[in-house]
PDB file of N, CA and C in Angstrom:
ATOM      1  N   UNK A   1     114.605 179.221  90.646  1.00  0.00           N
ATOM      2  CA  UNK A   1     113.495 178.336  90.909  1.00  0.00           C
ATOM      3  C   UNK A   1     113.709 177.636  92.246  1.00  0.00           C
ATOM      4  N   UNK A   2     112.698 177.648  93.077  1.00  0.00           N
ATOM      5  CA  UNK A   2     112.783 176.999  94.376  1.00  0.00           C
ATOM      6  C   UNK A   2     112.130 175.632  94.322  1.00  0.00           C
ATOM      7  N   UNK A   3     112.594 174.737  95.164  1.00  0.00           N
ATOM      8  CA  UNK A   3     111.997 173.408  95.264  1.00  0.00           C
ATOM      9  C   UNK A   3     110.836 173.415  96.233  1.00  0.00           C
ATOM     10  N   UNK A   4     110.377 172.251  96.557  1.00  0.00           N
ATOM     11  CA  UNK A   4     109.276 172.107  97.509  1.00  0.00           C
ATOM     12  C   UNK A   4     109.722 172.562  98.897  1.00  0.00           C
ATOM     13  N   UNK A   5     108.782 173.021  99.673  1.00  0.00           N
ATOM     14  CA  UNK A   5     109.104 173.450 101.031  1.00  0.00           C
ATOM     15  C   UNK A   5     108.331 172.669 102.089  1.00  0.00           C
ATOM     16  N   UNK A   6     107.515 171.717 101.659  1.00  0.00           N
ATOM     17  CA  UNK A   6     106.716 170.954 102.613  1.00  0.00           C
ATOM     18  C   UNK A   6     106.561 169.527 102.095  1.00  0.00           C
ATOM     19  N   UNK A   7     106.977 168.549 102.907  1.00  0.00           N
ATOM     20  CA  UNK A   7     106.830 167.152 102.524  1.00  0.00           C
ATOM     21  C   UNK A   7     106.121 166.413 103.640  1.00  0.00           C
ATOM     22  N   UNK A   8     105.413 165.384 103.278  1.00  0.00           N
ATOM     23  CA  UNK A   8     104.797 164.483 104.249  1.00  0.00           C
ATOM     24  C   UNK A   8     105.370 163.096 103.985  1.00  0.00           C
ATOM     25  N   UNK A   9     105.972 162.521 105.008  1.00  0.00           N
ATOM     26  CA  UNK A   9     106.601 161.207 104.880  1.00  0.00           C
ATOM     27  C   UNK A   9     105.874 160.260 105.825  1.00  0.00           C
ATOM     28  N   UNK A  10     105.016 159.389 105.299  1.00  0.00           N
ATOM     29  CA  UNK A  10     104.278 158.483 106.180  1.00  0.00           C
ATOM     30  C   UNK A  10     105.188 157.390 106.734  1.00  0.00           C
ATOM     31  N   UNK A  11     104.796 156.868 107.863  1.00  0.00           N
ATOM     32  CA  UNK A  11     105.497 155.786 108.536  1.00  0.00           C
ATOM     33  C   UNK A  11     106.718 156.328 109.249  1.00  0.00           C
ATOM     34  N   UNK A  12     107.647 155.521 109.575  1.00  0.00           N
ATOM     35  CA  UNK A  12     108.813 155.917 110.343  1.00  0.00           C
ATOM     36  C   UNK A  12     109.003 155.025 111.553  1.00  0.00           C
ATOM     37  N   UNK A  13     108.352 153.871 111.556  1.00  0.00           N
ATOM     38  CA  UNK A  13     108.436 152.926 112.660  1.00  0.00           C
ATOM     39  C   UNK A  13     109.879 152.501 112.889  1.00  0.00           C
ATOM     40  N   UNK A  14     110.310 152.566 114.136  1.00  0.00           N
ATOM     41  CA  UNK A  14     111.646 152.113 114.505  1.00  0.00           C
ATOM     42  C   UNK A  14     111.483 150.800 115.276  1.00  0.00           C
ATOM     43  N   UNK A  15     111.874 149.668 114.685  1.00  0.00           N
ATOM     44  CA  UNK A  15     111.689 148.375 115.353  1.00  0.00           C
ATOM     45  C   UNK A  15     112.578 148.256 116.592  1.00  0.00           C
ATOM     46  N   UNK A  16     112.070 147.584 117.638  1.00  0.00           N
ATOM     47  CA  UNK A  16     112.863 147.435 118.864  1.00  0.00           C
ATOM     48  C   UNK A  16     114.024 146.460 118.708  1.00  0.00           C
ATOM     49  N   UNK A  17     113.909 145.527 117.769  1.00  0.00           N
ATOM     50  CA  UNK A  17     114.969 144.546 117.529  1.00  0.00           C
ATOM     51  C   UNK A  17     115.178 144.387 116.031  1.00  0.00           C
ATOM     52  N   UNK A  18     116.385 144.078 115.652  1.00  0.00           N
ATOM     53  CA  UNK A  18     116.702 143.843 114.248  1.00  0.00           C
ATOM     54  C   UNK A  18     116.548 142.365 113.930  1.00  0.00           C
ATOM     55  N   UNK A  19     116.314 142.081 112.680  1.00  0.00           N
ATOM     56  CA  UNK A  19     116.290 140.690 112.242  1.00  0.00           C
ATOM     57  C   UNK A  19     117.486 140.485 111.321  1.00  0.00           C
ATOM     58  N   UNK A  20     118.210 139.433 111.510  1.00  0.00           N
ATOM     59  CA  UNK A  20     119.398 139.207 110.703  1.00  0.00           C
ATOM     60  C   UNK A  20     120.598 139.949 111.272  1.00  0.00           C
ATOM     61  N   UNK A  21     121.623 140.100 110.454  1.00  0.00           N
ATOM     62  CA  UNK A  21     122.870 140.696 110.930  1.00  0.00           C
ATOM     63  C   UNK A  21     122.929 142.209 110.782  1.00  0.00           C
ATOM     64  N   UNK A  22     122.004 142.808 110.017  1.00  0.00           N
ATOM     65  CA  UNK A  22     122.001 144.260 109.838  1.00  0.00           C
ATOM     66  C   UNK A  22     121.035 144.920 110.813  1.00  0.00           C
ATOM     67  N   UNK A  23     121.363 146.124 111.280  1.00  0.00           N
ATOM     68  CA  UNK A  23     120.486 146.871 112.176  1.00  0.00           C
ATOM     69  C   UNK A  23     119.316 147.429 111.391  1.00  0.00           C
ATOM     70  N   UNK A  24     118.096 147.104 111.833  1.00  0.00           N
ATOM     71  CA  UNK A  24     116.905 147.638 111.178  1.00  0.00           C
ATOM     72  C   UNK A  24     116.821 149.146 111.429  1.00  0.00           C
ATOM     73  N   UNK A  25     116.296 149.884 110.449  1.00  0.00           N
ATOM     74  CA  UNK A  25     116.177 151.326 110.622  1.00  0.00           C
ATOM     75  C   UNK A  25     115.179 151.911 109.629  1.00  0.00           C
ATOM     76  N   UNK A  26     114.786 153.133 109.882  1.00  0.00           N
ATOM     77  CA  UNK A  26     114.000 153.945 108.965  1.00  0.00           C
ATOM     78  C   UNK A  26     114.839 155.171 108.654  1.00  0.00           C
ATOM     79  N   UNK A  27     114.695 155.709 107.450  1.00  0.00           N
ATOM     80  CA  UNK A  27     115.461 156.895 107.082  1.00  0.00           C
ATOM     81  C   UNK A  27     114.635 157.812 106.204  1.00  0.00           C
ATOM     82  N   UNK A  28     114.923 159.099 106.331  1.00  0.00           N
ATOM     83  CA  UNK A  28     114.368 160.116 105.442  1.00  0.00           C
ATOM     84  C   UNK A  28     115.480 160.418 104.440  1.00  0.00           C
ATOM     85  N   UNK A  29     115.234 160.180 103.161  1.00  0.00           N
ATOM     86  CA  UNK A  29     116.249 160.397 102.133  1.00  0.00           C
ATOM     87  C   UNK A  29     115.937 161.705 101.418  1.00  0.00           C
ATOM     88  N   UNK A  30     116.892 162.632 101.445  1.00  0.00           N
ATOM     89  CA  UNK A  30     116.677 163.976 100.903  1.00  0.00           C
ATOM     90  C   UNK A  30     117.715 164.259  99.818  1.00  0.00           C
ATOM     91  N   UNK A  31     117.255 164.809  98.717  1.00  0.00           N
ATOM     92  CA  UNK A  31     118.135 165.252  97.628  1.00  0.00           C
ATOM     93  C   UNK A  31     118.021 166.762  97.527  1.00  0.00           C
ATOM     94  N   UNK A  32     119.139 167.461  97.637  1.00  0.00           N
ATOM     95  CA  UNK A  32     119.175 168.908  97.469  1.00  0.00           C
ATOM     96  C   UNK A  32     119.832 169.211  96.125  1.00  0.00           C
ATOM     97  N   UNK A  33     119.030 169.604  95.148  1.00  0.00           N
ATOM     98  CA  UNK A  33     119.521 169.868  93.794  1.00  0.00           C
ATOM     99  C   UNK A  33     120.121 171.261  93.626  1.00  0.00           C
ATOM    100  N   UNK A  34     119.990 172.103  94.627  1.00  0.00           N
ATOM    101  CA  UNK A  34     120.432 173.492  94.512  1.00  0.00           C
ATOM    102  C   UNK A  34     121.855 173.672  95.029  1.00  0.00           C
ATOM    103  N   UNK A  35     122.462 174.796  94.684  1.00  0.00           N
ATOM    104  CA  UNK A  35     123.825 175.100  95.126  1.00  0.00           C
ATOM    105  C   UNK A  35     123.886 175.384  96.626  1.00  0.00           C
ATOM    106  N   UNK A  36     122.874 176.084  97.155  1.00  0.00           N
ATOM    107  CA  UNK A  36     122.898 176.470  98.563  1.00  0.00           C
ATOM    108  C   UNK A  36     122.390 175.338  99.458  1.00  0.00           C
ATOM    109  N   UNK A  37     122.810 175.371 100.706  1.00  0.00           N
ATOM    110  CA  UNK A  37     122.382 174.358 101.670  1.00  0.00           C
ATOM    111  C   UNK A  37     120.875 174.451 101.908  1.00  0.00           C
ATOM    112  N   UNK A  38     120.269 173.324 102.208  1.00  0.00           N
ATOM    113  CA  UNK A  38     118.855 173.271 102.583  1.00  0.00           C
ATOM    114  C   UNK A  38     118.791 172.985 104.082  1.00  0.00           C
ATOM    115  N   UNK A  39     118.136 173.867 104.826  1.00  0.00           N
ATOM    116  CA  UNK A  39     117.958 173.688 106.266  1.00  0.00           C
ATOM    117  C   UNK A  39     116.564 173.137 106.512  1.00  0.00           C
ATOM    118  N   UNK A  40     116.499 171.913 107.026  1.00  0.00           N
ATOM    119  CA  UNK A  40     115.226 171.237 107.232  1.00  0.00           C
ATOM    120  C   UNK A  40     114.731 171.436 108.656  1.00  0.00           C
ATOM    121  N   UNK A  41     113.447 171.688 108.798  1.00  0.00           N
ATOM    122  CA  UNK A  41     112.773 171.710 110.094  1.00  0.00           C
ATOM    123  C   UNK A  41     111.866 170.484 110.103  1.00  0.00           C
ATOM    124  N   UNK A  42     112.059 169.593 111.046  1.00  0.00           N
ATOM    125  CA  UNK A  42     111.371 168.299 111.042  1.00  0.00           C
ATOM    126  C   UNK A  42     110.440 168.208 112.240  1.00  0.00           C
ATOM    127  N   UNK A  43     109.196 167.805 111.963  1.00  0.00           N
ATOM    128  CA  UNK A  43     108.192 167.542 112.996  1.00  0.00           C
ATOM    129  C   UNK A  43     107.704 166.114 112.808  1.00  0.00           C
ATOM    130  N   UNK A  44     107.658 165.367 113.904  1.00  0.00           N
ATOM    131  CA  UNK A  44     107.179 163.986 113.863  1.00  0.00           C
ATOM    132  C   UNK A  44     105.856 163.932 114.630  1.00  0.00           C
ATOM    133  N   UNK A  45     104.837 163.372 113.985  1.00  0.00           N
ATOM    134  CA  UNK A  45     103.517 163.256 114.589  1.00  0.00           C
ATOM    135  C   UNK A  45     103.262 161.823 115.042  1.00  0.00           C
ATOM    136  N   UNK A  46     102.504 161.685 116.135  1.00  0.00           N
ATOM    137  CA  UNK A  46     102.176 160.388 116.714  1.00  0.00           C
ATOM    138  C   UNK A  46     100.664 160.265 116.825  1.00  0.00           C
ATOM    139  N   UNK A  47     100.176 159.058 116.951  1.00  0.00           N
ATOM    140  CA  UNK A  47      98.737 158.885 117.136  1.00  0.00           C
ATOM    141  C   UNK A  47      98.340 158.945 118.604  1.00  0.00           C
ATOM    142  N   UNK A  48      99.312 158.837 119.529  1.00  0.00           N
ATOM    143  CA  UNK A  48      98.971 158.769 120.945  1.00  0.00           C
ATOM    144  C   UNK A  48      99.680 159.781 121.842  1.00  0.00           C
ATOM    145  N   UNK A  49     100.301 160.808 121.246  1.00  0.00           N
ATOM    146  CA  UNK A  49     100.993 161.839 122.037  1.00  0.00           C
ATOM    147  C   UNK A  49     101.209 163.075 121.185  1.00  0.00           C
ATOM    148  N   UNK A  50     101.566 164.194 121.799  1.00  0.00           N
ATOM    149  CA  UNK A  50     101.808 165.414 121.023  1.00  0.00           C
ATOM    150  C   UNK A  50     103.010 165.247 120.083  1.00  0.00           C
ATOM    151  N   UNK A  51     103.076 166.062 119.034  1.00  0.00           N
ATOM    152  CA  UNK A  51     104.191 165.952 118.088  1.00  0.00           C
ATOM    153  C   UNK A  51     105.534 166.310 118.718  1.00  0.00           C
ATOM    154  N   UNK A  52     106.569 165.789 118.118  1.00  0.00           N
ATOM    155  CA  UNK A  52     107.944 166.116 118.483  1.00  0.00           C
ATOM    156  C   UNK A  52     108.420 167.138 117.452  1.00  0.00           C
ATOM    157  N   UNK A  53     108.504 168.388 117.868  1.00  0.00           N
ATOM    158  CA  UNK A  53     108.807 169.483 116.951  1.00  0.00           C
ATOM    159  C   UNK A  53     110.207 170.044 117.208  1.00  0.00           C
ATOM    160  N   UNK A  54     110.697 170.817 116.251  1.00  0.00           N
ATOM    161  CA  UNK A  54     111.933 171.551 116.451  1.00  0.00           C
ATOM    162  C   UNK A  54     113.210 170.788 116.155  1.00  0.00           C
ATOM    163  N   UNK A  55     113.111 169.689 115.433  1.00  0.00           N
ATOM    164  CA  UNK A  55     114.327 168.973 115.050  1.00  0.00           C
ATOM    165  C   UNK A  55     114.822 169.549 113.719  1.00  0.00           C
ATOM    166  N   UNK A  56     116.121 169.597 113.547  1.00  0.00           N
ATOM    167  CA  UNK A  56     116.648 170.200 112.319  1.00  0.00           C
ATOM    168  C   UNK A  56     117.811 169.381 111.764  1.00  0.00           C
ATOM    169  N   UNK A  57     117.959 169.478 110.472  1.00  0.00           N
ATOM    170  CA  UNK A  57     119.070 168.852 109.736  1.00  0.00           C
ATOM    171  C   UNK A  57     119.433 169.780 108.589  1.00  0.00           C
ATOM    172  N   UNK A  58     120.656 169.705 108.138  1.00  0.00           N
ATOM    173  CA  UNK A  58     121.108 170.474 106.981  1.00  0.00           C
ATOM    174  C   UNK A  58     121.554 169.507 105.894  1.00  0.00           C
ATOM    175  N   UNK A  59     121.109 169.772 104.666  1.00  0.00           N
ATOM    176  CA  UNK A  59     121.553 168.998 103.509  1.00  0.00           C
ATOM    177  C   UNK A  59     122.341 169.963 102.646  1.00  0.00           C
ATOM    178  N   UNK A  60     123.620 169.702 102.482  1.00  0.00           N
ATOM    179  CA  UNK A  60     124.487 170.613 101.719  1.00  0.00           C
ATOM    180  C   UNK A  60     124.068 170.661 100.249  1.00  0.00           C
ATOM    181  N   UNK A  61     124.437 171.752  99.593  1.00  0.00           N
ATOM    182  CA  UNK A  61     124.090 171.949  98.190  1.00  0.00           C
ATOM    183  C   UNK A  61     124.632 170.841  97.297  1.00  0.00           C
ATOM    184  N   UNK A  62     123.790 170.434  96.322  1.00  0.00           N
ATOM    185  CA  UNK A  62     124.156 169.401  95.355  1.00  0.00           C
ATOM    186  C   UNK A  62     124.552 168.079  96.020  1.00  0.00           C
ATOM    187  N   UNK A  63     123.845 167.742  97.112  1.00  0.00           N
ATOM    188  CA  UNK A  63     124.152 166.522  97.856  1.00  0.00           C
ATOM    189  C   UNK A  63     122.866 165.790  98.237  1.00  0.00           C
ATOM    190  N   UNK A  64     123.032 164.540  98.646  1.00  0.00           N
ATOM    191  CA  UNK A  64     121.939 163.776  99.244  1.00  0.00           C
ATOM    192  C   UNK A  64     122.285 163.556 100.710  1.00  0.00           C
ATOM    193  N   UNK A  65     121.257 163.271 101.488  1.00  0.00           N
ATOM    194  CA  UNK A  65     121.482 162.934 102.895  1.00  0.00           C
ATOM    195  C   UNK A  65     120.426 161.922 103.309  1.00  0.00           C
ATOM    196  N   UNK A  66     120.867 160.871 103.950  1.00  0.00           N
ATOM    197  CA  UNK A  66     119.973 159.842 104.471  1.00  0.00           C
ATOM    198  C   UNK A  66     119.965 160.008 105.985  1.00  0.00           C
ATOM    199  N   UNK A  67     118.846 160.492 106.502  1.00  0.00           N
ATOM    200  CA  UNK A  67     118.725 160.830 107.914  1.00  0.00           C
ATOM    201  C   UNK A  67     118.000 159.689 108.625  1.00  0.00           C
ATOM    202  N   UNK A  68     118.700 158.973 109.452  1.00  0.00           N
ATOM    203  CA  UNK A  68     118.062 157.888 110.203  1.00  0.00           C
ATOM    204  C   UNK A  68     117.119 158.503 111.233  1.00  0.00           C
ATOM    205  N   UNK A  69     115.878 158.037 111.241  1.00  0.00           N
ATOM    206  CA  UNK A  69     114.910 158.608 112.173  1.00  0.00           C
ATOM    207  C   UNK A  69     115.322 158.363 113.626  1.00  0.00           C
ATOM    208  N   UNK A  70     116.064 157.318 113.885  1.00  0.00           N
ATOM    209  CA  UNK A  70     116.526 157.051 115.253  1.00  0.00           C
ATOM    210  C   UNK A  70     117.580 158.060 115.716  1.00  0.00           C
ATOM    211  N   UNK A  71     118.161 158.821 114.786  1.00  0.00           N
ATOM    212  CA  UNK A  71     119.167 159.819 115.157  1.00  0.00           C
ATOM    213  C   UNK A  71     118.563 161.195 115.407  1.00  0.00           C
ATOM    214  N   UNK A  72     117.298 161.391 115.058  1.00  0.00           N
ATOM    215  CA  UNK A  72     116.648 162.685 115.264  1.00  0.00           C
ATOM    216  C   UNK A  72     116.377 162.904 116.747  1.00  0.00           C
ATOM    217  N   UNK A  73     116.619 164.113 117.221  1.00  0.00           N
ATOM    218  CA  UNK A  73     116.350 164.424 118.623  1.00  0.00           C
ATOM    219  C   UNK A  73     116.153 165.927 118.808  1.00  0.00           C
ATOM    220  N   UNK A  74     115.539 166.249 119.922  1.00  0.00           N
ATOM    221  CA  UNK A  74     115.358 167.637 120.342  1.00  0.00           C
ATOM    222  C   UNK A  74     115.492 167.658 121.852  1.00  0.00           C
ATOM    223  N   UNK A  75     116.479 168.366 122.333  1.00  0.00           N
ATOM    224  CA  UNK A  75     116.720 168.477 123.780  1.00  0.00           C
ATOM    225  C   UNK A  75     116.733 167.105 124.459  1.00  0.00           C
ATOM    226  N   UNK A  76     117.349 166.132 123.808  1.00  0.00           N
ATOM    227  CA  UNK A  76     117.458 164.791 124.373  1.00  0.00           C
ATOM    228  C   UNK A  76     116.254 163.905 124.122  1.00  0.00           C
ATOM    229  N   UNK A  77     115.131 164.470 123.633  1.00  0.00           N
ATOM    230  CA  UNK A  77     113.943 163.680 123.347  1.00  0.00           C
ATOM    231  C   UNK A  77     114.064 163.087 121.955  1.00  0.00           C
ATOM    232  N   UNK A  78     113.747 161.792 121.835  1.00  0.00           N
ATOM    233  CA  UNK A  78     113.887 161.064 120.564  1.00  0.00           C
ATOM    234  C   UNK A  78     112.581 160.375 120.198  1.00  0.00           C
ATOM    235  N   UNK A  79     112.509 159.902 118.960  1.00  0.00           N
ATOM    236  CA  UNK A  79     111.386 159.082 118.530  1.00  0.00           C
ATOM    237  C   UNK A  79     111.529 157.732 119.237  1.00  0.00           C
ATOM    238  N   UNK A  80     110.498 157.290 119.947  1.00  0.00           N
ATOM    239  CA  UNK A  80     110.633 156.022 120.664  1.00  0.00           C
ATOM    240  C   UNK A  80     110.619 154.814 119.727  1.00  0.00           C
ATOM    241  N   UNK A  81     111.311 153.758 120.140  1.00  0.00           N
ATOM    242  CA  UNK A  81     111.240 152.502 119.402  1.00  0.00           C
ATOM    243  C   UNK A  81     109.883 151.853 119.615  1.00  0.00           C
ATOM    244  N   UNK A  82     109.483 151.040 118.645  1.00  0.00           N
ATOM    245  CA  UNK A  82     108.277 150.229 118.721  1.00  0.00           C
ATOM    246  C   UNK A  82     107.036 151.074 118.747  1.00  0.00           C
TER     247      UNK A  82
END
């Protein structure tokens, strides 16, 4: 049995400054229930520019992974703050 192959995650705002002593962040939390690794292809859409495509992450089998959106990149291009 295969899991889902397409997810839509709304929001993802990266604040320019943190409030308090912890660094503010957004994350994509993924659970891989299968034995084999899950290879993710990530596309980020914007309201004022073309999408940022071609980012990838791997979630090992029977594991979770919390992917900070500020760590995603493609050829040095990142999701901008604010």
